[in-house]
């Protein structure tokens, strides 16, 4: 089975900073924190399998 490369995702510095601020806030819902972490890891070139393993989430959730 061929391995598909993830779609390229690039974030501006301000977008990355906004996501990091969401992650660091104590009142941010955990589902939002996980989504923000997924976006940041995807922007670093991680594929869905790596993201799922790093965050200890399902492959479907990482996708």
PDB file of N, CA and C in Angstrom:
ATOM      1  N   UNK A   1       0.839  -1.168   0.000  1.00  0.00           N
ATOM      2  CA  UNK A   1       0.000   0.000   0.000  1.00  0.00           C
ATOM      3  C   UNK A   1       0.889   1.238   0.000  1.00  0.00           C
ATOM      4  N   UNK A   2       0.604   2.163  -0.886  1.00  0.00           N
ATOM      5  CA  UNK A   2       1.393   3.380  -0.994  1.00  0.00           C
ATOM      6  C   UNK A   2       1.147   4.281   0.208  1.00  0.00           C
ATOM      7  N   UNK A   3       2.195   4.925   0.625  1.00  0.00           N
ATOM      8  CA  UNK A   3       2.073   5.853   1.755  1.00  0.00           C
ATOM      9  C   UNK A   3       1.894   7.254   1.209  1.00  0.00           C
ATOM     10  N   UNK A   4       0.808   7.874   1.566  1.00  0.00           N
ATOM     11  CA  UNK A   4       0.523   9.205   1.080  1.00  0.00           C
ATOM     12  C   UNK A   4       1.189  10.248   1.960  1.00  0.00           C
ATOM     13  N   UNK A   5       1.777  11.233   1.322  1.00  0.00           N
ATOM     14  CA  UNK A   5       2.378  12.326   2.065  1.00  0.00           C
ATOM     15  C   UNK A   5       1.272  13.249   2.567  1.00  0.00           C
ATOM     16  N   UNK A   6       1.439  13.798   3.758  1.00  0.00           N
ATOM     17  CA  UNK A   6       0.415  14.712   4.256  1.00  0.00           C
ATOM     18  C   UNK A   6       0.386  15.988   3.432  1.00  0.00           C
ATOM     19  N   UNK A   7      -0.778  16.613   3.384  1.00  0.00           N
ATOM     20  CA  UNK A   7      -0.885  17.892   2.702  1.00  0.00           C
ATOM     21  C   UNK A   7      -0.046  18.910   3.455  1.00  0.00           C
ATOM     22  N   UNK A   8       0.593  19.776   2.702  1.00  0.00           N
ATOM     23  CA  UNK A   8       1.435  20.782   3.325  1.00  0.00           C
ATOM     24  C   UNK A   8       0.568  21.799   4.061  1.00  0.00           C
ATOM     25  N   UNK A   9       0.947  22.089   5.262  1.00  0.00           N
ATOM     26  CA  UNK A   9       0.222  23.051   6.086  1.00  0.00           C
ATOM     27  C   UNK A   9       1.237  24.022   6.644  1.00  0.00           C
ATOM     28  N   UNK A  10       1.053  25.283   6.330  1.00  0.00           N
ATOM     29  CA  UNK A  10       1.980  26.272   6.875  1.00  0.00           C
ATOM     30  C   UNK A  10       1.201  27.310   7.670  1.00  0.00           C
ATOM     31  N   UNK A  11       1.768  27.676   8.791  1.00  0.00           N
ATOM     32  CA  UNK A  11       1.162  28.666   9.669  1.00  0.00           C
ATOM     33  C   UNK A  11       2.056  29.900   9.707  1.00  0.00           C
ATOM     34  N   UNK A  12       1.426  31.051   9.759  1.00  0.00           N
ATOM     35  CA  UNK A  12       2.209  32.265   9.972  1.00  0.00           C
ATOM     36  C   UNK A  12       2.636  32.287  11.440  1.00  0.00           C
ATOM     37  N   UNK A  13       3.579  33.145  11.741  1.00  0.00           N
ATOM     38  CA  UNK A  13       4.023  33.256  13.137  1.00  0.00           C
ATOM     39  C   UNK A  13       2.870  33.646  14.043  1.00  0.00           C
ATOM     40  N   UNK A  14       2.028  34.562  13.581  1.00  0.00           N
ATOM     41  CA  UNK A  14       0.914  35.003  14.423  1.00  0.00           C
ATOM     42  C   UNK A  14      -0.109  33.878  14.632  1.00  0.00           C
ATOM     43  N   UNK A  15      -0.343  33.075  13.600  1.00  0.00           N
ATOM     44  CA  UNK A  15      -1.270  31.945  13.744  1.00  0.00           C
ATOM     45  C   UNK A  15      -0.717  30.924  14.734  1.00  0.00           C
ATOM     46  N   UNK A  16       0.571  30.627  14.616  1.00  0.00           N
ATOM     47  CA  UNK A  16       1.203  29.701  15.548  1.00  0.00           C
ATOM     48  C   UNK A  16       1.153  30.218  16.974  1.00  0.00           C
ATOM     49  N   UNK A  17       1.374  31.525  17.135  1.00  0.00           N
ATOM     50  CA  UNK A  17       1.320  32.126  18.469  1.00  0.00           C
ATOM     51  C   UNK A  17      -0.085  32.064  19.046  1.00  0.00           C
ATOM     52  N   UNK A  18      -1.098  32.314  18.210  1.00  0.00           N
ATOM     53  CA  UNK A  18      -2.484  32.244  18.681  1.00  0.00           C
ATOM     54  C   UNK A  18      -2.841  30.836  19.133  1.00  0.00           C
ATOM     55  N   UNK A  19      -2.414  29.834  18.368  1.00  0.00           N
ATOM     56  CA  UNK A  19      -2.682  28.450  18.763  1.00  0.00           C
ATOM     57  C   UNK A  19      -1.980  28.110  20.067  1.00  0.00           C
ATOM     58  N   UNK A  20      -0.744  28.558  20.211  1.00  0.00           N
ATOM     59  CA  UNK A  20       0.003  28.279  21.436  1.00  0.00           C
ATOM     60  C   UNK A  20      -0.652  28.953  22.634  1.00  0.00           C
ATOM     61  N   UNK A  21      -1.197  30.156  22.438  1.00  0.00           N
ATOM     62  CA  UNK A  21      -1.906  30.838  23.519  1.00  0.00           C
ATOM     63  C   UNK A  21      -3.152  30.055  23.932  1.00  0.00           C
ATOM     64  N   UNK A  22      -3.867  29.501  22.952  1.00  0.00           N
ATOM     65  CA  UNK A  22      -5.037  28.671  23.265  1.00  0.00           C
ATOM     66  C   UNK A  22      -4.630  27.471  24.114  1.00  0.00           C
ATOM     67  N   UNK A  23      -3.537  26.842  23.726  1.00  0.00           N
ATOM     68  CA  UNK A  23      -3.054  25.659  24.435  1.00  0.00           C
ATOM     69  C   UNK A  23      -2.671  26.013  25.873  1.00  0.00           C
ATOM     70  N   UNK A  24      -2.071  27.172  26.065  1.00  0.00           N
ATOM     71  CA  UNK A  24      -1.562  27.560  27.388  1.00  0.00           C
ATOM     72  C   UNK A  24      -2.640  28.090  28.330  1.00  0.00           C
ATOM     73  N   UNK A  25      -3.790  28.492  27.794  1.00  0.00           N
ATOM     74  CA  UNK A  25      -4.856  29.000  28.659  1.00  0.00           C
ATOM     75  C   UNK A  25      -5.426  27.870  29.499  1.00  0.00           C
ATOM     76  N   UNK A  26      -5.698  28.157  30.745  1.00  0.00           N
ATOM     77  CA  UNK A  26      -6.229  27.137  31.647  1.00  0.00           C
ATOM     78  C   UNK A  26      -7.704  26.860  31.417  1.00  0.00           C
ATOM     79  N   UNK A  27      -8.420  27.796  30.809  1.00  0.00           N
ATOM     80  CA  UNK A  27      -9.856  27.622  30.642  1.00  0.00           C
ATOM     81  C   UNK A  27     -10.252  27.127  29.253  1.00  0.00           C
ATOM     82  N   UNK A  28      -9.282  26.851  28.400  1.00  0.00           N
ATOM     83  CA  UNK A  28      -9.592  26.344  27.069  1.00  0.00           C
ATOM     84  C   UNK A  28     -10.068  24.896  27.181  1.00  0.00           C
ATOM     85  N   UNK A  29     -11.160  24.587  26.495  1.00  0.00           N
ATOM     86  CA  UNK A  29     -11.682  23.214  26.488  1.00  0.00           C
ATOM     87  C   UNK A  29     -10.624  22.269  25.919  1.00  0.00           C
ATOM     88  N   UNK A  30     -10.525  21.084  26.500  1.00  0.00           N
ATOM     89  CA  UNK A  30      -9.492  20.131  26.096  1.00  0.00           C
ATOM     90  C   UNK A  30      -9.615  19.715  24.637  1.00  0.00           C
ATOM     91  N   UNK A  31     -10.827  19.651  24.104  1.00  0.00           N
ATOM     92  CA  UNK A  31     -10.995  19.301  22.693  1.00  0.00           C
ATOM     93  C   UNK A  31     -10.342  20.365  21.798  1.00  0.00           C
ATOM     94  N   UNK A  32     -10.443  21.618  22.179  1.00  0.00           N
ATOM     95  CA  UNK A  32      -9.818  22.710  21.422  1.00  0.00           C
ATOM     96  C   UNK A  32      -8.299  22.621  21.538  1.00  0.00           C
ATOM     97  N   UNK A  33      -7.809  22.284  22.730  1.00  0.00           N
ATOM     98  CA  UNK A  33      -6.368  22.137  22.933  1.00  0.00           C
ATOM     99  C   UNK A  33      -5.819  21.034  22.036  1.00  0.00           C
ATOM    100  N   UNK A  34      -6.513  19.908  21.979  1.00  0.00           N
ATOM    101  CA  UNK A  34      -6.058  18.799  21.139  1.00  0.00           C
ATOM    102  C   UNK A  34      -6.048  19.211  19.675  1.00  0.00           C
ATOM    103  N   UNK A  35      -7.090  19.889  19.225  1.00  0.00           N
ATOM    104  CA  UNK A  35      -7.148  20.337  17.827  1.00  0.00           C
ATOM    105  C   UNK A  35      -6.011  21.304  17.523  1.00  0.00           C
ATOM    106  N   UNK A  36      -5.733  22.212  18.435  1.00  0.00           N
ATOM    107  CA  UNK A  36      -4.633  23.160  18.226  1.00  0.00           C
ATOM    108  C   UNK A  36      -3.298  22.427  18.133  1.00  0.00           C
ATOM    109  N   UNK A  37      -3.101  21.430  18.997  1.00  0.00           N
ATOM    110  CA  UNK A  37      -1.861  20.645  18.947  1.00  0.00           C
ATOM    111  C   UNK A  37      -1.748  19.869  17.642  1.00  0.00           C
ATOM    112  N   UNK A  38      -2.863  19.329  17.157  1.00  0.00           N
ATOM    113  CA  UNK A  38      -2.864  18.615  15.878  1.00  0.00           C
ATOM    114  C   UNK A  38      -2.419  19.551  14.761  1.00  0.00           C
ATOM    115  N   UNK A  39      -2.956  20.760  14.746  1.00  0.00           N
ATOM    116  CA  UNK A  39      -2.609  21.726  13.703  1.00  0.00           C
ATOM    117  C   UNK A  39      -1.136  22.094  13.773  1.00  0.00           C
ATOM    118  N   UNK A  40      -0.634  22.328  14.978  1.00  0.00           N
ATOM    119  CA  UNK A  40       0.777  22.683  15.127  1.00  0.00           C
ATOM    120  C   UNK A  40       1.676  21.543  14.658  1.00  0.00           C
ATOM    121  N   UNK A  41       1.361  20.312  15.058  1.00  0.00           N
ATOM    122  CA  UNK A  41       2.185  19.175  14.638  1.00  0.00           C
ATOM    123  C   UNK A  41       2.112  18.965  13.126  1.00  0.00           C
ATOM    124  N   UNK A  42       0.932  19.156  12.545  1.00  0.00           N
ATOM    125  CA  UNK A  42       0.799  19.026  11.091  1.00  0.00           C
ATOM    126  C   UNK A  42       1.633  20.087  10.376  1.00  0.00           C
ATOM    127  N   UNK A  43       1.689  21.280  10.944  1.00  0.00           N
ATOM    128  CA  UNK A  43       2.484  22.339  10.323  1.00  0.00           C
ATOM    129  C   UNK A  43       3.982  22.047  10.407  1.00  0.00           C
ATOM    130  N   UNK A  44       4.359  21.176  11.337  1.00  0.00           N
ATOM    131  CA  UNK A  44       5.756  20.760  11.467  1.00  0.00           C
ATOM    132  C   UNK A  44       6.091  19.586  10.550  1.00  0.00           C
ATOM    133  N   UNK A  45       5.099  19.152   9.750  1.00  0.00           N
ATOM    134  CA  UNK A  45       5.334  18.080   8.787  1.00  0.00           C
ATOM    135  C   UNK A  45       5.046  16.687   9.299  1.00  0.00           C
ATOM    136  N   UNK A  46       4.457  16.570  10.475  1.00  0.00           N
ATOM    137  CA  UNK A  46       4.125  15.248  11.014  1.00  0.00           C
ATOM    138  C   UNK A  46       2.924  14.676  10.267  1.00  0.00           C
ATOM    139  N   UNK A  47       2.935  13.365  10.032  1.00  0.00           N
ATOM    140  CA  UNK A  47       1.775  12.743   9.392  1.00  0.00           C
ATOM    141  C   UNK A  47       0.776  12.307  10.462  1.00  0.00           C
ATOM    142  N   UNK A  48      -0.386  11.848  10.030  1.00  0.00           N
ATOM    143  CA  UNK A  48      -1.456  11.512  10.971  1.00  0.00           C
ATOM    144  C   UNK A  48      -1.050  10.437  11.971  1.00  0.00           C
ATOM    145  N   UNK A  49      -0.292   9.453  11.520  1.00  0.00           N
ATOM    146  CA  UNK A  49       0.149   8.388  12.429  1.00  0.00           C
ATOM    147  C   UNK A  49       1.059   8.933  13.514  1.00  0.00           C
ATOM    148  N   UNK A  50       1.978   9.792  13.126  1.00  0.00           N
ATOM    149  CA  UNK A  50       2.888  10.385  14.108  1.00  0.00           C
ATOM    150  C   UNK A  50       2.122  11.267  15.092  1.00  0.00           C
ATOM    151  N   UNK A  51       1.193  12.054  14.580  1.00  0.00           N
ATOM    152  CA  UNK A  51       0.397  12.927  15.439  1.00  0.00           C
ATOM    153  C   UNK A  51      -0.405  12.101  16.442  1.00  0.00           C
ATOM    154  N   UNK A  52      -1.038  11.035  15.960  1.00  0.00           N
ATOM    155  CA  UNK A  52      -1.836  10.173  16.840  1.00  0.00           C
ATOM    156  C   UNK A  52      -0.963   9.571  17.937  1.00  0.00           C
ATOM    157  N   UNK A  53       0.231   9.135  17.571  1.00  0.00           N
ATOM    158  CA  UNK A  53       1.132   8.529  18.548  1.00  0.00           C
ATOM    159  C   UNK A  53       1.624   9.566  19.565  1.00  0.00           C
ATOM    160  N   UNK A  54       2.019  10.747  19.092  1.00  0.00           N
ATOM    161  CA  UNK A  54       2.537  11.791  19.977  1.00  0.00           C
ATOM    162  C   UNK A  54       1.486  12.244  20.980  1.00  0.00           C
ATOM    163  N   UNK A  55       0.246  12.440  20.499  1.00  0.00           N
ATOM    164  CA  UNK A  55      -0.810  12.960  21.362  1.00  0.00           C
ATOM    165  C   UNK A  55      -1.631  11.865  22.041  1.00  0.00           C
ATOM    166  N   UNK A  56      -1.320  10.612  21.725  1.00  0.00           N
ATOM    167  CA  UNK A  56      -2.052   9.471  22.279  1.00  0.00           C
ATOM    168  C   UNK A  56      -3.545   9.590  22.000  1.00  0.00           C
ATOM    169  N   UNK A  57      -3.852   9.786  20.702  1.00  0.00           N
ATOM    170  CA  UNK A  57      -5.228   9.883  20.236  1.00  0.00           C
ATOM    171  C   UNK A  57      -5.417   8.893  19.101  1.00  0.00           C
ATOM    172  N   UNK A  58      -6.649   8.679  18.678  1.00  0.00           N
ATOM    173  CA  UNK A  58      -6.904   7.744  17.591  1.00  0.00           C
ATOM    174  C   UNK A  58      -6.429   8.336  16.266  1.00  0.00           C
ATOM    175  N   UNK A  59      -6.176   7.461  15.317  1.00  0.00           N
ATOM    176  CA  UNK A  59      -5.780   7.884  13.981  1.00  0.00           C
ATOM    177  C   UNK A  59      -6.882   8.700  13.318  1.00  0.00           C
ATOM    178  N   UNK A  60      -8.132   8.308  13.559  1.00  0.00           N
ATOM    179  CA  UNK A  60      -9.264   9.068  13.012  1.00  0.00           C
ATOM    180  C   UNK A  60      -9.283  10.481  13.553  1.00  0.00           C
ATOM    181  N   UNK A  61      -9.031  10.634  14.832  1.00  0.00           N
ATOM    182  CA  UNK A  61      -9.026  11.968  15.430  1.00  0.00           C
ATOM    183  C   UNK A  61      -7.876  12.807  14.870  1.00  0.00           C
ATOM    184  N   UNK A  62      -6.742  12.194  14.671  1.00  0.00           N
ATOM    185  CA  UNK A  62      -5.594  12.917  14.111  1.00  0.00           C
ATOM    186  C   UNK A  62      -5.870  13.365  12.690  1.00  0.00           C
ATOM    187  N   UNK A  63      -6.677  12.602  11.970  1.00  0.00           N
ATOM    188  CA  UNK A  63      -7.000  12.940  10.572  1.00  0.00           C
ATOM    189  C   UNK A  63      -7.989  14.044  10.484  1.00  0.00           C
TER     190      UNK A  63
END
